[in-house]
Protein backbone atom coordinates (compact mmCIF):
# COMPACT_ATOMS: atom_id res chain seq x y z
CA MET A 1 -6.94 145.02 -81.43
CA SER A 2 -8.40 141.83 -83.14
CA THR A 3 -11.57 140.54 -81.12
CA HIS A 4 -14.00 137.90 -81.65
CA LYS A 5 -17.76 136.76 -81.83
CA ARG A 6 -19.52 136.93 -77.97
CA ALA A 7 -20.32 134.33 -76.56
CA VAL A 8 -23.36 134.82 -73.78
CA HIS A 9 -23.40 132.25 -71.21
CA VAL A 10 -24.26 131.57 -67.45
CA ALA A 11 -21.30 131.24 -65.60
CA THR A 12 -21.86 129.83 -61.67
CA ILE A 13 -19.11 130.60 -59.46
CA THR A 14 -18.50 128.88 -55.81
CA LYS A 15 -16.59 130.19 -53.02
CA GLN A 16 -16.09 129.13 -49.50
CA TYR A 17 -15.60 131.72 -46.98
CA LYS A 18 -15.56 130.89 -42.82
CA GLY A 19 -17.17 126.89 -43.63
CA LYS A 20 -20.07 128.42 -45.86
CA THR A 21 -20.46 127.90 -49.51
CA TYR A 22 -21.51 130.68 -51.15
CA VAL A 23 -22.93 130.04 -55.00
CA THR A 24 -22.97 133.41 -57.75
CA HIS A 25 -25.00 132.93 -60.80
CA LEU A 26 -23.94 135.61 -63.69
CA LEU A 27 -25.11 136.35 -67.06
CA ARG A 28 -21.45 136.92 -69.01
CA HIS A 29 -20.15 138.23 -72.64
CA THR A 30 -17.26 135.93 -72.92
CA TYR A 31 -14.57 137.35 -76.04
CA ARG A 32 -11.36 136.69 -76.56
CA GLU A 33 -9.21 139.95 -77.71
CA ASP A 34 -5.98 140.10 -78.70
CA GLY A 35 -5.69 136.21 -77.75
CA LYS A 36 -7.10 136.53 -74.12
CA VAL A 37 -10.30 135.22 -73.02
CA LYS A 38 -12.03 137.82 -71.24
CA HIS A 39 -15.34 137.89 -69.63
CA LEU A 40 -17.83 140.96 -69.02
CA THR A 41 -20.71 140.50 -66.65
CA VAL A 42 -24.23 141.71 -67.94
CA GLY A 43 -26.00 140.92 -64.34
CA ASN A 44 -26.89 138.78 -61.21
CA LEU A 45 -29.31 136.07 -61.99
CA SER A 46 -28.39 134.91 -58.07
CA ASP A 47 -32.03 136.07 -57.08
CA LEU A 48 -34.00 134.25 -59.77
CA PRO A 49 -35.23 130.54 -58.85
CA ASN A 50 -32.75 127.80 -59.85
CA ASP A 51 -35.19 126.55 -62.56
CA LEU A 52 -35.28 129.68 -64.18
CA ILE A 53 -31.49 129.60 -63.83
CA ASP A 54 -31.35 126.18 -65.47
CA VAL A 55 -33.94 127.22 -68.37
CA ILE A 56 -31.82 130.15 -69.21
CA ARG A 57 -28.65 128.21 -68.54
CA LYS A 58 -30.10 125.74 -71.75
CA ARG A 59 -31.62 128.26 -74.08
CA LEU A 60 -28.43 130.54 -74.04
CA ALA A 61 -26.04 126.78 -74.63
CA GLY A 62 -28.09 125.87 -77.64
CA GLU A 63 -30.33 122.89 -76.01
CA PRO A 64 -34.37 122.91 -76.86
CA LEU A 65 -36.98 122.76 -74.64
CA PRO A 66 -39.47 120.00 -74.22
CA VAL A 67 -42.69 120.22 -76.24
CA GLY A 68 -45.51 119.30 -74.29
CA ASN A 69 -45.22 115.89 -72.92
CA ASP A 70 -42.46 115.51 -75.85
CA ASP A 71 -40.09 112.37 -74.78
CA PHE A 72 -36.30 112.38 -74.26
CA GLU A 73 -33.38 109.99 -75.34
CA ILE A 74 -30.24 109.39 -73.21
CA VAL A 75 -28.11 108.73 -76.43
CA ARG A 76 -24.97 107.94 -74.32
CA SER A 77 -23.31 107.85 -70.61
CA LEU A 78 -20.34 108.12 -69.63
CA PRO A 79 -18.58 108.31 -66.30
CA HIS A 80 -17.49 111.60 -64.82
CA GLY A 81 -18.23 112.26 -61.50
CA HIS A 82 -13.97 111.19 -60.71
CA VAL A 83 -12.78 112.37 -63.86
CA VAL A 84 -13.55 116.39 -62.87
CA ALA A 85 -12.49 115.73 -59.26
CA THR A 86 -8.89 114.60 -60.17
CA LEU A 87 -7.95 116.70 -63.46
CA GLY A 88 -10.02 119.95 -61.11
CA THR A 89 -7.31 119.06 -58.34
CA LEU A 90 -4.59 118.96 -60.85
CA GLN A 91 -5.68 121.94 -62.23
CA LYS A 92 -6.00 123.49 -59.27
CA ILE A 93 -2.52 122.67 -57.51
CA GLY A 94 -1.12 124.35 -60.52
CA LEU A 95 -0.01 120.53 -62.24
CA ASP A 96 -0.95 121.43 -65.12
CA ARG A 97 1.39 124.99 -65.03
CA LEU A 98 4.59 123.07 -63.75
CA ILE A 99 4.37 120.24 -66.58
CA ALA A 100 4.06 123.07 -69.32
CA SER A 101 3.72 127.02 -69.62
CA LYS A 102 1.85 126.87 -72.36
CA PRO A 103 -0.96 124.10 -73.31
CA CYS A 104 0.12 121.82 -75.79
CA ARG A 105 -0.84 118.27 -77.39
CA GLU A 106 2.25 116.45 -75.55
CA ALA A 107 1.27 118.19 -72.16
CA GLN A 108 -2.56 117.13 -72.67
CA LEU A 109 -1.30 113.83 -73.01
CA VAL A 110 0.67 113.45 -70.30
CA ILE A 111 -2.09 114.93 -67.73
CA ALA A 112 -4.65 112.59 -69.35
CA MET A 113 -1.86 109.47 -68.54
CA ILE A 114 -1.67 111.55 -64.84
CA VAL A 115 -5.39 111.64 -64.93
CA LEU A 116 -5.84 107.92 -65.68
CA ARG A 117 -3.33 106.36 -63.46
CA ILE A 118 -5.28 107.82 -60.67
CA ILE A 119 -8.68 106.71 -62.02
CA ALA A 120 -8.12 103.48 -64.03
CA PRO A 121 -4.25 102.39 -63.67
CA GLY A 122 -2.90 99.90 -66.61
CA SER A 123 -1.04 99.61 -69.84
CA LYS A 124 -1.08 102.58 -72.29
CA LEU A 125 -2.46 100.73 -74.65
CA ALA A 126 -5.41 100.00 -72.60
CA ASN A 127 -5.35 103.73 -71.66
CA LEU A 128 -5.72 104.88 -75.19
CA THR A 129 -8.44 102.58 -75.52
CA GLY A 130 -10.58 104.64 -72.63
CA LEU A 131 -9.85 107.43 -74.60
CA GLN A 132 -10.80 106.92 -77.93
CA ALA A 133 -14.07 108.17 -79.08
CA GLU A 134 -15.95 104.93 -79.98
CA THR A 135 -14.71 102.96 -76.89
CA ALA A 136 -14.55 105.89 -74.46
CA GLU A 137 -14.77 104.58 -70.81
CA HIS A 138 -14.77 108.01 -69.21
CA THR A 139 -15.18 111.66 -70.14
CA LEU A 140 -11.59 112.47 -69.57
CA ALA A 141 -10.97 112.89 -73.41
CA ASP A 142 -13.73 115.42 -73.88
CA GLU A 143 -12.43 117.15 -70.92
CA LEU A 144 -8.98 117.61 -72.27
CA GLN A 145 -10.25 118.23 -76.07
CA LEU A 146 -8.06 115.19 -77.00
CA HIS A 147 -9.05 113.47 -80.21
CA ASP A 148 -7.66 110.90 -82.54
CA ILE A 149 -5.01 109.84 -80.39
CA GLN A 150 -2.89 107.68 -82.08
CA THR A 151 -0.63 105.04 -79.96
CA PRO A 152 2.70 106.70 -81.07
CA GLU A 153 1.66 109.74 -79.42
CA LEU A 154 1.86 108.78 -75.98
CA TYR A 155 5.05 107.29 -75.65
CA GLN A 156 6.38 110.76 -77.78
CA ALA A 157 4.12 112.15 -75.00
CA LEU A 158 6.45 110.13 -72.13
CA ASP A 159 10.07 111.20 -74.37
CA TRP A 160 8.82 114.80 -73.92
CA LEU A 161 7.98 114.57 -70.35
CA LEU A 162 11.37 112.70 -69.50
CA ALA A 163 13.23 115.81 -70.93
CA ARG A 164 10.99 118.54 -68.67
CA GLN A 165 11.60 115.82 -65.66
CA LYS A 166 14.60 117.57 -63.77
CA ARG A 167 12.79 121.37 -64.62
CA ILE A 168 9.34 119.86 -63.01
CA GLU A 169 11.04 118.26 -60.00
CA ASN A 170 13.07 122.00 -59.71
CA LYS A 171 9.77 123.56 -59.88
CA LEU A 172 8.20 121.22 -57.16
CA ALA A 173 11.34 121.64 -54.90
CA LYS A 174 11.01 125.16 -55.25
CA LYS A 175 7.17 125.37 -53.87
CA HIS A 176 7.53 122.39 -51.11
CA LEU A 177 11.73 122.75 -49.72
CA GLU A 178 13.20 125.33 -47.61
CA GLU A 179 16.53 126.45 -46.64
CA GLY A 180 17.41 124.31 -43.33
CA THR A 181 14.04 122.05 -43.83
CA LEU A 182 13.74 118.13 -43.60
CA VAL A 183 14.42 116.42 -46.38
CA LEU A 184 12.11 112.51 -45.89
CA TYR A 185 14.26 109.77 -48.87
CA ASP A 186 13.84 106.27 -49.32
CA VAL A 187 14.15 103.40 -51.66
CA SER A 188 11.98 100.49 -52.87
CA SER A 189 12.13 98.75 -55.92
CA SER A 190 9.39 96.83 -58.56
CA TYR A 191 10.49 93.63 -60.74
CA TYR A 192 10.12 93.68 -64.14
CA THR A 193 9.24 90.82 -66.52
CA GLY A 194 11.15 91.71 -69.88
CA ARG A 195 15.44 91.57 -70.68
CA GLN A 196 16.07 94.72 -72.99
CA SER A 197 16.33 97.46 -70.82
CA GLU A 198 19.70 97.98 -68.95
CA LEU A 199 18.27 98.55 -66.03
CA ILE A 200 16.71 95.48 -64.96
CA LYS A 201 19.09 93.65 -63.08
CA MET A 202 18.73 90.84 -60.00
CA GLY A 203 18.78 92.30 -56.72
CA TYR A 204 17.42 92.71 -53.32
CA ASN A 205 13.62 91.93 -53.97
CA ARG A 206 11.02 93.73 -52.17
CA ASP A 207 8.14 92.11 -53.95
CA GLY A 208 8.44 88.46 -52.74
CA LYS A 209 9.70 87.63 -56.36
CA PRO A 210 13.64 86.91 -55.87
CA GLY A 211 13.65 85.04 -59.45
CA GLU A 212 12.61 88.04 -61.23
CA PRO A 213 14.74 91.27 -62.59
CA GLN A 214 13.83 94.64 -60.91
CA ILE A 215 14.39 98.52 -61.14
CA VAL A 216 15.36 100.35 -58.09
CA TYR A 217 13.85 103.82 -57.25
CA GLY A 218 14.54 106.17 -54.85
CA LEU A 219 11.88 108.85 -53.69
CA LEU A 220 12.54 112.11 -52.41
CA CYS A 221 9.38 113.68 -49.85
CA ALA A 222 8.94 117.14 -48.28
CA PRO A 223 8.74 116.61 -44.34
CA ASP A 224 4.60 116.19 -44.85
CA GLY A 225 5.07 113.65 -47.35
CA CYS A 226 4.70 115.64 -50.49
CA PRO A 227 6.97 114.00 -53.07
CA VAL A 228 9.20 116.43 -55.03
CA ALA A 229 11.44 114.02 -56.61
CA ILE A 230 12.12 110.14 -57.72
CA GLU A 231 15.13 108.60 -59.21
CA VAL A 232 15.32 105.39 -60.96
CA PHE A 233 18.56 103.36 -60.61
CA SER A 234 19.76 99.60 -61.75
CA GLY A 235 18.13 97.03 -59.95
CA ASN A 236 21.35 95.70 -58.40
CA THR A 237 22.25 99.55 -56.66
CA ALA A 238 22.71 99.52 -53.17
CA ASP A 239 19.99 101.66 -51.43
CA PRO A 240 23.14 103.66 -49.55
CA THR A 241 24.14 104.93 -53.43
CA THR A 242 21.07 106.00 -54.27
CA PHE A 243 21.26 108.15 -51.51
CA THR A 244 24.12 109.30 -52.09
CA ALA A 245 22.76 110.23 -55.83
CA GLN A 246 20.05 112.62 -54.08
CA VAL A 247 22.45 114.34 -51.47
CA ASN A 248 24.12 115.26 -54.84
CA SER A 249 20.89 116.40 -56.13
CA ILE A 250 19.25 118.41 -53.21
CA ARG A 251 22.60 120.53 -53.01
CA ARG A 252 23.19 121.47 -56.68
CA ARG A 253 19.55 121.13 -58.56
CA PHE A 254 17.57 122.61 -55.86
CA GLY A 255 19.73 125.20 -54.65
CA ILE A 256 19.25 124.78 -51.17
CA LYS A 257 22.40 125.77 -48.55
CA ARG A 258 21.40 123.94 -45.56
CA VAL A 259 19.23 120.44 -45.38
CA VAL A 260 18.44 117.83 -42.58
CA LEU A 261 18.06 114.47 -44.74
CA VAL A 262 16.18 111.40 -42.95
CA GLY A 263 16.26 108.02 -43.52
CA ASP A 264 16.63 104.74 -42.28
CA ARG A 265 19.60 102.75 -41.11
CA GLY A 266 20.17 100.73 -44.09
CA MET A 267 20.14 104.07 -46.41
CA ILE A 268 22.11 106.31 -44.09
CA THR A 269 25.06 104.20 -42.71
CA SER A 270 27.97 105.16 -41.19
CA LYS A 271 30.42 104.81 -44.37
CA ARG A 272 28.47 106.84 -46.14
CA ILE A 273 28.14 109.36 -43.19
CA ASP A 274 31.81 109.56 -43.54
CA GLU A 275 32.25 109.61 -47.20
CA ASP A 276 29.34 111.91 -48.14
CA LEU A 277 27.65 113.90 -45.21
CA ARG A 278 30.19 114.37 -42.26
CA ASP A 279 32.33 117.98 -42.82
CA VAL A 280 29.69 119.35 -45.53
CA GLU A 281 29.06 122.60 -44.36
CA GLY A 282 24.91 123.06 -44.62
CA LEU A 283 24.04 119.30 -44.54
CA ASP A 284 22.78 117.18 -41.46
CA TRP A 285 21.12 113.96 -41.09
CA ILE A 286 18.30 111.99 -38.88
CA THR A 287 18.99 107.86 -38.82
CA ALA A 288 19.14 105.14 -36.41
CA LEU A 289 21.79 102.60 -35.29
CA ARG A 290 21.55 98.95 -36.65
CA ASN A 291 20.81 96.35 -33.71
CA ALA A 292 24.37 94.98 -33.44
CA SER A 293 25.26 98.75 -33.01
CA ILE A 294 22.61 98.64 -30.33
CA LYS A 295 23.96 95.65 -28.99
CA LYS A 296 27.75 97.13 -28.36
CA LEU A 297 26.76 100.13 -26.69
CA VAL A 298 25.03 97.85 -24.43
CA GLU A 299 27.85 95.72 -23.92
CA LYS A 300 30.05 99.24 -23.22
CA ASN A 301 27.25 99.68 -20.72
CA THR A 302 27.18 103.82 -22.63
CA ILE A 303 23.31 102.74 -22.58
CA GLN A 304 22.14 101.71 -19.37
CA LEU A 305 18.40 99.81 -19.51
CA SER A 306 17.79 100.93 -16.25
CA LEU A 307 17.75 103.93 -17.76
CA PHE A 308 13.87 103.34 -18.82
CA ASP A 309 12.61 101.73 -15.87
CA GLU A 310 10.98 105.31 -15.40
CA ARG A 311 11.03 106.78 -18.83
CA ASP A 312 11.20 105.65 -22.63
CA LEU A 313 13.73 108.21 -23.99
CA ALA A 314 17.37 109.17 -22.92
CA GLU A 315 20.11 111.11 -24.68
CA VAL A 316 23.86 109.40 -24.27
CA THR A 317 27.22 110.48 -26.20
CA SER A 318 29.90 107.85 -27.52
CA VAL A 319 33.05 108.14 -28.43
CA ASP A 320 32.11 105.73 -31.59
CA TYR A 321 30.19 108.70 -32.84
CA PRO A 322 31.87 111.67 -32.46
CA ASP A 323 30.13 115.38 -32.75
CA GLU A 324 26.63 113.14 -33.01
CA ARG A 325 23.68 112.91 -31.07
CA LEU A 326 22.17 109.61 -29.91
CA ILE A 327 18.78 109.52 -28.83
CA VAL A 328 18.00 105.76 -26.90
CA CYS A 329 14.24 104.60 -26.83
CA ARG A 330 11.72 102.22 -26.30
CA ASN A 331 8.70 101.23 -26.66
CA PRO A 332 6.80 99.16 -24.57
CA LEU A 333 4.55 97.93 -26.42
CA LEU A 334 7.09 96.74 -29.29
CA ALA A 335 8.49 95.37 -26.79
CA GLU A 336 5.63 92.93 -25.80
CA GLU A 337 4.98 92.46 -29.25
CA ARG A 338 8.43 91.08 -30.35
CA ALA A 339 8.62 89.05 -27.11
CA ARG A 340 5.40 87.60 -28.31
CA LYS A 341 6.29 86.69 -32.01
CA ARG A 342 9.62 85.18 -30.67
CA LYS A 343 7.93 83.31 -28.47
CA GLU A 344 6.25 81.12 -31.55
CA LEU A 345 8.60 81.99 -33.73
CA LEU A 346 10.81 79.07 -31.33
CA ALA A 347 7.67 77.14 -30.71
CA ALA A 348 7.43 76.57 -34.44
CA ALA A 349 10.81 76.27 -34.79
CA GLU A 350 11.10 73.60 -32.20
CA LYS A 351 7.97 71.78 -33.73
CA LYS A 352 10.16 71.07 -36.80
CA LEU A 353 12.82 70.21 -34.92
CA ASP A 354 11.24 67.75 -33.76
CA ALA A 355 10.17 66.56 -37.09
CA VAL A 356 13.79 66.32 -37.73
CA VAL A 357 14.84 64.39 -34.58
CA GLN A 358 12.03 61.90 -35.48
CA ALA A 359 13.01 61.28 -39.15
CA VAL A 360 16.12 60.72 -37.85
CA SER A 361 15.39 58.35 -35.39
CA ARG A 362 12.51 56.59 -36.90
CA ALA A 363 13.08 52.72 -37.94
CA LYS A 364 11.97 52.55 -41.82
CA GLN A 365 13.89 54.48 -43.67
CA PRO A 366 15.26 57.41 -41.24
CA LEU A 367 16.85 60.25 -42.34
CA ARG A 368 20.99 59.54 -42.57
CA GLY A 369 23.95 61.99 -43.28
CA LYS A 370 25.42 64.99 -41.80
CA ASP A 371 24.41 67.06 -44.64
CA LYS A 372 20.91 65.74 -45.79
CA ILE A 373 19.95 66.35 -41.77
CA GLY A 374 21.90 69.71 -42.73
CA LEU A 375 19.90 70.33 -45.61
CA ARG A 376 16.77 69.83 -43.68
CA ILE A 377 17.54 71.33 -41.00
CA GLY A 378 17.97 74.67 -43.14
CA ARG A 379 14.94 74.15 -44.87
CA GLU A 380 12.42 73.66 -42.10
CA LEU A 381 13.84 76.49 -39.71
CA LYS A 382 14.11 79.28 -43.27
CA SER A 383 10.47 80.81 -42.41
CA THR A 384 11.34 81.02 -38.57
CA LYS A 385 14.63 83.03 -39.00
CA MET A 386 15.61 80.95 -35.89
CA GLN A 387 18.39 79.09 -36.29
CA LYS A 388 20.72 81.85 -33.79
CA HIS A 389 18.92 80.41 -31.11
CA PHE A 390 19.50 76.67 -31.34
CA GLU A 391 22.61 74.92 -30.20
CA LEU A 392 22.45 71.93 -33.08
CA THR A 393 24.52 68.67 -32.58
CA ILE A 394 24.76 66.87 -35.60
CA GLU A 395 25.88 63.58 -36.53
CA ASP A 396 25.63 61.07 -39.53
CA ASP A 397 22.90 59.08 -37.89
CA SER A 398 21.93 61.38 -34.49
CA PHE A 399 20.60 64.61 -34.16
CA SER A 400 19.85 66.60 -31.05
CA TYR A 401 19.47 70.32 -30.29
CA ARG A 402 18.87 72.76 -27.42
CA ARG A 403 17.57 76.30 -26.86
CA ARG A 404 20.57 78.69 -25.97
CA ASP A 405 18.77 80.43 -23.88
CA GLU A 406 21.51 83.02 -22.37
CA HIS A 407 21.50 84.33 -26.12
CA ILE A 408 17.54 84.26 -26.53
CA ALA A 409 17.76 86.55 -22.77
CA GLN A 410 20.25 89.25 -24.70
CA GLU A 411 18.74 89.65 -27.60
CA ALA A 412 14.82 90.30 -25.47
CA ALA A 413 17.26 92.22 -23.14
CA LEU A 414 17.11 95.10 -26.89
CA ASP A 415 13.44 94.73 -27.02
CA GLY A 416 11.37 97.85 -28.35
CA LEU A 417 15.36 99.18 -27.85
CA TYR A 418 16.04 102.09 -30.91
CA VAL A 419 18.82 104.42 -30.97
CA ILE A 420 18.02 107.58 -32.99
CA ARG A 421 21.62 109.13 -34.76
CA THR A 422 21.68 112.33 -35.97
CA SER A 423 24.23 115.72 -36.50
CA LEU A 424 21.93 118.30 -35.26
CA SER A 425 22.33 120.38 -31.95
CA GLN A 426 19.92 120.43 -29.28
CA THR A 427 18.76 123.98 -29.83
CA THR A 428 18.66 123.42 -33.24
CA LEU A 429 15.78 120.28 -32.82
CA SER A 430 14.35 118.59 -29.55
CA ALA A 431 15.03 114.69 -28.68
CA GLU A 432 11.60 114.49 -29.01
CA GLN A 433 11.54 116.65 -32.88
CA THR A 434 14.10 114.11 -33.56
CA VAL A 435 12.52 110.97 -33.03
CA SER A 436 9.25 112.75 -35.20
CA ALA A 437 11.18 113.42 -37.50
CA TYR A 438 12.75 109.92 -38.03
CA LYS A 439 8.92 108.36 -37.76
CA ASP A 440 8.34 110.33 -40.50
CA LEU A 441 9.39 108.52 -42.40
CA SER A 442 6.36 106.10 -42.60
CA GLN A 443 4.81 108.48 -44.73
CA VAL A 444 7.28 107.74 -47.60
CA GLU A 445 6.77 104.00 -47.23
CA TRP A 446 3.13 104.90 -47.42
CA ALA A 447 3.69 107.13 -50.63
CA PHE A 448 5.45 103.55 -52.11
CA ARG A 449 2.50 101.75 -51.00
CA SER A 450 0.48 103.28 -53.14
CA LEU A 451 2.41 103.57 -56.06
CA LYS A 452 3.39 100.32 -56.57
CA SER A 453 0.14 98.29 -55.10
CA VAL A 454 -2.72 100.30 -53.70
CA ASP A 455 -3.86 103.02 -56.26
CA LEU A 456 -1.45 103.80 -58.94
CA GLN A 457 0.58 100.45 -59.74
CA VAL A 458 3.69 101.16 -60.99
CA ARG A 459 4.10 97.42 -61.24
CA PRO A 460 3.67 95.43 -63.80
CA ILE A 461 6.28 97.62 -66.04
CA TYR A 462 5.31 96.87 -69.62
CA HIS A 463 8.34 99.69 -71.49
CA TRP A 464 11.45 97.97 -72.79
CA LYS A 465 13.23 101.12 -73.36
CA ASP A 466 15.52 102.61 -70.14
CA ASP A 467 14.44 106.25 -70.85
CA ARG A 468 10.55 104.72 -70.84
CA ILE A 469 10.76 103.34 -67.65
CA ARG A 470 11.85 106.27 -65.91
CA ALA A 471 9.79 108.19 -68.20
CA HIS A 472 6.54 105.49 -66.43
CA VAL A 473 7.87 105.97 -62.55
CA PHE A 474 8.35 109.61 -63.12
CA LEU A 475 4.56 110.02 -64.46
CA CYS A 476 3.19 107.66 -61.26
CA MET A 477 5.39 109.57 -58.88
CA LEU A 478 3.43 113.34 -60.57
CA ALA A 479 0.01 110.73 -60.11
CA TYR A 480 1.12 110.05 -56.40
CA TYR A 481 1.46 113.95 -55.96
CA VAL A 482 -2.16 114.48 -57.07
CA GLU A 483 -3.48 111.90 -55.22
CA TRP A 484 -1.81 113.38 -52.46
CA HIS A 485 -3.25 116.56 -52.60
CA LEU A 486 -6.73 114.79 -52.78
CA ARG A 487 -6.34 112.47 -49.59
CA GLY A 488 -5.26 116.03 -47.77
CA ALA A 489 -8.84 117.60 -48.94
CA LEU A 490 -10.90 114.42 -48.78
CA SER A 491 -9.94 112.73 -45.32
CA GLU A 492 -12.92 113.75 -43.85
CA LEU A 493 -14.45 110.79 -46.14
CA LEU A 494 -11.35 108.45 -45.69
CA PHE A 495 -10.29 106.44 -42.76
CA ASP A 496 -7.61 108.53 -42.75
CA ASP A 497 -7.14 110.62 -39.48
CA HIS A 498 -8.13 113.73 -40.73
CA GLU A 499 -7.79 115.22 -37.25
CA ARG A 500 -4.13 113.98 -36.55
CA GLU A 501 -2.82 117.29 -35.14
CA ALA A 502 -5.13 117.39 -32.57
CA ALA A 503 -4.56 113.57 -31.65
CA GLU A 504 -0.57 114.26 -31.57
CA ALA A 505 -1.73 117.21 -29.46
CA THR A 506 -2.89 114.44 -26.74
CA ARG A 507 0.31 112.29 -27.19
CA LYS A 508 2.36 111.78 -23.94
CA SER A 509 5.28 110.63 -25.42
CA ILE A 510 6.51 110.40 -29.28
CA VAL A 511 8.04 107.16 -28.20
CA ALA A 512 4.63 105.78 -28.03
CA PRO A 513 2.85 104.55 -31.21
CA ALA A 514 0.59 107.62 -32.63
CA PRO A 515 -2.69 108.27 -31.23
CA ARG A 516 -5.90 108.07 -33.67
CA SER A 517 -7.94 111.05 -32.60
CA GLU A 518 -11.67 110.38 -31.62
CA ALA A 519 -13.04 111.27 -34.60
CA ALA A 520 -10.77 109.24 -36.89
CA LYS A 521 -12.04 106.67 -34.09
CA GLN A 522 -16.06 107.36 -34.23
CA LYS A 523 -15.34 107.02 -38.22
CA GLU A 524 -13.79 103.42 -38.21
CA GLN A 525 -16.47 102.04 -35.70
CA SER A 526 -19.86 104.14 -37.21
CA ARG A 527 -18.38 104.00 -40.73
CA ARG A 528 -19.52 107.00 -40.69
CA THR A 529 -18.51 110.76 -40.84
CA ALA A 530 -19.85 112.84 -38.08
CA ASP A 531 -22.01 114.34 -40.88
CA GLY A 532 -23.42 111.05 -41.78
CA TYR A 533 -21.87 110.49 -44.62
CA PRO A 534 -20.36 107.18 -45.32
CA VAL A 535 -16.55 106.56 -45.21
CA GLN A 536 -14.87 104.76 -48.13
CA SER A 537 -11.39 103.78 -49.21
CA PHE A 538 -9.60 106.17 -51.31
CA GLN A 539 -10.62 104.11 -54.47
CA CYS A 540 -14.01 103.48 -53.70
CA LEU A 541 -14.91 107.06 -53.45
CA LEU A 542 -13.32 107.33 -57.01
CA LYS A 543 -15.84 104.71 -57.67
CA ASP A 544 -18.78 106.45 -56.41
CA LEU A 545 -17.88 109.42 -58.07
CA ALA A 546 -17.65 107.16 -61.47
CA THR A 547 -21.12 106.81 -61.02
CA LEU A 548 -21.89 110.59 -61.63
CA CYS A 549 -21.94 110.64 -64.93
CA LYS A 550 -22.47 113.02 -68.21
CA ASN A 551 -25.37 112.12 -70.40
CA ARG A 552 -26.05 113.04 -73.89
CA VAL A 553 -29.84 113.74 -74.57
CA ARG A 554 -31.99 114.56 -77.06
CA TRP A 555 -35.64 115.68 -77.13
CA SER A 556 -37.89 113.44 -79.80
CA SER A 557 -39.32 116.41 -80.88
CA GLY A 558 -35.61 117.50 -82.24
CA SER A 559 -33.69 114.94 -82.92
CA ASP A 560 -31.65 116.09 -84.86
CA VAL A 561 -30.77 118.09 -82.07
CA GLU A 562 -28.39 116.93 -78.91
CA PHE A 563 -27.04 118.51 -75.50
CA GLU A 564 -25.23 116.76 -72.39
CA ARG A 565 -26.51 116.90 -68.97
CA VAL A 566 -24.47 115.59 -65.89
CA THR A 567 -26.78 113.18 -63.64
CA LEU A 568 -27.70 115.20 -60.17
CA PRO A 569 -25.11 114.29 -57.89
CA THR A 570 -25.57 112.66 -54.40
CA ALA A 571 -25.40 114.12 -51.09
CA LEU A 572 -22.06 112.49 -50.61
CA GLN A 573 -20.76 113.53 -54.28
CA ARG A 574 -21.82 117.39 -53.72
CA ARG A 575 -19.59 117.17 -49.96
CA VAL A 576 -16.89 115.68 -52.11
CA PHE A 577 -16.64 118.64 -54.71
CA GLU A 578 -17.33 121.27 -51.76
CA LEU A 579 -14.02 119.44 -50.00
CA LEU A 580 -12.26 120.13 -53.12
CA GLY A 581 -13.04 123.72 -53.72
CA LEU A 582 -14.33 122.24 -57.20
CA GLY A 583 -17.48 123.11 -59.46
CA LEU A 584 -19.23 120.00 -61.27
CA THR A 585 -19.66 120.47 -65.47
C-alpha cells in the first residue's frame, strides 16, 4: 500500500432537500492511497462563525493574514462564474465521463472547447488565445489544469473526439431513449465559404445565402428535446435521404427494437414510408400531409369542412393511406393569421402589377414585348408568391390582370387545416397525444436555432477537412446538450416557461397554441421572478455570471505570497448556483 502526504483543508458541502439549502463545513485530511483520493473527516466546523471558518480555510491554504492596517493588491482578475456554472453542469450530468472513462489531455481539451462554445463561441484559434496564461480571458484553463496548449493539439483533440462519436452517441441513446420511445428528427444546413471539402455542395439554402455552398446535418432528439445524435451530409443531400440514414442508425446502433419516429412532412414522405418504414416490425411514424394531399382529401369528401363547425379535431380514414390514421386539425387562430397574410400579399401584388400596367401604358418609353413584360412581372411578384392567384393577359403592347377569386376561395377554405399521419393505433397513442408528439418537433427547431445563431454559432465553419467539419458539428451538439441541461435548471431565471406542465394542464385543446403559465406571463411583464430576481436571456445570464471574478491577491507585507479569492457573489449569482446545485470555488 502506497500513501502520500496528507493535506488538511476545509471542505464545504452544499445539499438541497425539500427546497431548502444546507451547508456543512468539514475539517478534512485528503490523501492518496493506491492511486485513489480519499478523505478523512476530522471535525465539523459548521457551528463556528463564518468569519472564523474563513480564517481557518485561508491559513490551511497557505494564505497570509493581514498585519495591522496592511493593504492588499489585486494582481489579476479573470471572469470565473460562467466557467464554474458551465463546466460544473457538464461534470454534474456526467458528460465528461461519457467523453472519456479516464481523464486525458485530449478529453480535457474537448471539454474546454465544449465549454467555450457556450460561453465564448468562436474559432479554435480564438479559443486558444483565451486559454493561454498571458492572454487568458477566463479561468477555464486553470479549472481544467490546461497549460502550454499548442494549436495542433486542438485539431488533434477534434480528431480524437470524432473517432469516439458513435460510442458517445450510443451512451447518450442508452441514457435518454427507451424501448417504444418517440424519437424526434429534423434537418438543417449551414453555409460554408471554403472550397476544399467534399461535403460542401450547393443545395437548398436555409440561411438566406443561395450563392454559397453548404453542409446538411440531421439532429436526433429524445421526446423532451434532449439531443442524442447528429450526422453530417453533403450540402445537396435531400432531407428524406438523411432520414433513411438515421432510421438505420436508431435500429442498428442504438439497439432499440421498437421506436416511433417523428418528422415533418418534408422528411417522412410517402415514398420514404413505402421504401423504408412500411412493414418494418417495431417501427412506427408520425408525420403530416402536404397541402396538395389535404386538398385531394377535401375534394374526395374524405375531409368534410363541416366537421369543424363545433370542434377542431377529427379522425378520418382513406383508402389512399391503408392501415394508417389521419388526424385532421383546424386551428382558427392560424386560419385568421393566414387569411390576414394572404390579404396583405394580394394587395401588395396588385400594387406591383398596377405599376407594370402603368409602365406598359405610359406615353414615354413604354415597356414593350411579351418577354420583357413577363420578366418584369416575375421579378415584381417573386417576393409575394401570389402569381398563382392572378390571371394575366400579356401582349406585346398591353397588359391586364384579374384575381382568380374561385382559386383564392378554395385555398382559403383550407386555412388553419393540417393533417397528422401516423401508423400508430389508437390504443397506443390517442389523437391528442399524436398531435402533441408532432408539435414537439418545435423543440428540434429550437435546437437548430440555438446551434446556428443564438448561442453556439455552428457557422461560420472554419474547417476545410471533411472529418474536422463533422467533429465541429458534433462538438456543437455536445455543447447544446450541456446548454439544454443548463436551461432546464435555470428556467426560473430565464424567459422560458418554467411552469409549462402546469400550463399544459389548463389547455382546452391540443390544437390550440401552447398556453403560457401565469408565472411566465408575470416574468414577461415585470422582468422579475416571483422572488424578485431579474429575468434575462440565457446569454445575458452568462454575461452576468462572468462578472463573478477570481482574483489573484497579495498583501503588501508579504508580496512574495499570492493567493486567490472569488468576488462576493450577488444575490442573483447565488441563486444561479443554488438552482444548478453547484458550489462556487
